[in-house]
């Protein structure tokens, strides 16, 4: 697929792809931290038991 492109372009596309994946992972982990931080009391056991009762 990329055989028609020069080696420099292939390397550049690889670096850009890895950078995009890295940014997506950072964004997702930040989003997950934000979700966990804003829970009630941040206590897994209490939250689990409360959800189980409901």
C-alpha atoms as a PDB file:
ATOM      1  CA  UNK A   1       0.000   0.000   0.000  1.00  0.00           C
ATOM      2  CA  UNK A   2       2.757   2.439   0.955  1.00  0.00           C
ATOM      3  CA  UNK A   3       5.311   0.986  -1.454  1.00  0.00           C
ATOM      4  CA  UNK A   4       4.807   3.833  -3.898  1.00  0.00           C
ATOM      5  CA  UNK A   5       5.770   6.432  -1.263  1.00  0.00           C
ATOM      6  CA  UNK A   6       9.376   7.273  -0.513  1.00  0.00           C
ATOM      7  CA  UNK A   7      10.988   6.023   2.695  1.00  0.00           C
ATOM      8  CA  UNK A   8      11.063   9.534   4.151  1.00  0.00           C
ATOM      9  CA  UNK A   9       7.315   9.973   3.626  1.00  0.00           C
ATOM     10  CA  UNK A  10       6.638   6.531   5.127  1.00  0.00           C
ATOM     11  CA  UNK A  11       8.700   7.442   8.198  1.00  0.00           C
ATOM     12  CA  UNK A  12       6.917  10.777   8.515  1.00  0.00           C
ATOM     13  CA  UNK A  13       3.493   9.111   8.293  1.00  0.00           C
ATOM     14  CA  UNK A  14       4.538   6.558  10.919  1.00  0.00           C
ATOM     15  CA  UNK A  15       5.661   9.293  13.322  1.00  0.00           C
ATOM     16  CA  UNK A  16       2.457  11.269  12.762  1.00  0.00           C
ATOM     17  CA  UNK A  17       0.362   8.124  13.338  1.00  0.00           C
ATOM     18  CA  UNK A  18       2.146   7.330  16.591  1.00  0.00           C
ATOM     19  CA  UNK A  19       1.771  10.947  17.743  1.00  0.00           C
ATOM     20  CA  UNK A  20      -1.974  10.892  17.024  1.00  0.00           C
ATOM     21  CA  UNK A  21      -2.396   7.629  18.947  1.00  0.00           C
ATOM     22  CA  UNK A  22      -0.408   9.079  21.861  1.00  0.00           C
ATOM     23  CA  UNK A  23      -2.618  12.172  21.972  1.00  0.00           C
ATOM     24  CA  UNK A  24      -5.764  10.012  21.903  1.00  0.00           C
ATOM     25  CA  UNK A  25      -4.476   7.907  24.815  1.00  0.00           C
ATOM     26  CA  UNK A  26      -3.609  11.021  26.852  1.00  0.00           C
ATOM     27  CA  UNK A  27      -7.036  12.530  26.181  1.00  0.00           C
ATOM     28  CA  UNK A  28      -8.815   9.317  27.151  1.00  0.00           C
ATOM     29  CA  UNK A  29      -6.849   8.816  30.368  1.00  0.00           C
ATOM     30  CA  UNK A  30      -7.521  12.430  31.356  1.00  0.00           C
ATOM     31  CA  UNK A  31     -11.201  11.932  30.712  1.00  0.00           C
ATOM     32  CA  UNK A  32     -11.226   8.749  32.794  1.00  0.00           C
ATOM     33  CA  UNK A  33      -9.395  10.457  35.675  1.00  0.00           C
ATOM     34  CA  UNK A  34     -11.921  13.270  35.599  1.00  0.00           C
ATOM     35  CA  UNK A  35     -14.803  10.797  35.777  1.00  0.00           C
ATOM     36  CA  UNK A  36     -13.251   8.969  38.730  1.00  0.00           C
ATOM     37  CA  UNK A  37     -12.298  12.140  40.576  1.00  0.00           C
ATOM     38  CA  UNK A  38     -15.808  13.568  40.575  1.00  0.00           C
ATOM     39  CA  UNK A  39     -17.523  10.502  41.996  1.00  0.00           C
ATOM     40  CA  UNK A  40     -19.202  10.620  45.391  1.00  0.00           C
ATOM     41  CA  UNK A  41     -16.586  10.143  48.126  1.00  0.00           C
ATOM     42  CA  UNK A  42     -14.264   8.363  45.634  1.00  0.00           C
ATOM     43  CA  UNK A  43     -14.785   5.103  47.570  1.00  0.00           C
ATOM     44  CA  UNK A  44     -15.275   2.145  45.263  1.00  0.00           C
ATOM     45  CA  UNK A  45     -16.838  -0.173  47.848  1.00  0.00           C
ATOM     46  CA  UNK A  46     -19.494   2.318  48.982  1.00  0.00           C
ATOM     47  CA  UNK A  47     -20.337   3.319  45.424  1.00  0.00           C
ATOM     48  CA  UNK A  48     -20.586  -0.326  44.355  1.00  0.00           C
ATOM     49  CA  UNK A  49     -22.873  -1.210  47.238  1.00  0.00           C
ATOM     50  CA  UNK A  50     -25.053   1.839  46.603  1.00  0.00           C
ATOM     51  CA  UNK A  51     -25.410   0.907  42.930  1.00  0.00           C
ATOM     52  CA  UNK A  52     -26.126  -2.708  43.870  1.00  0.00           C
ATOM     53  CA  UNK A  53     -28.981  -1.598  46.174  1.00  0.00           C
ATOM     54  CA  UNK A  54     -30.533   0.455  43.373  1.00  0.00           C
END
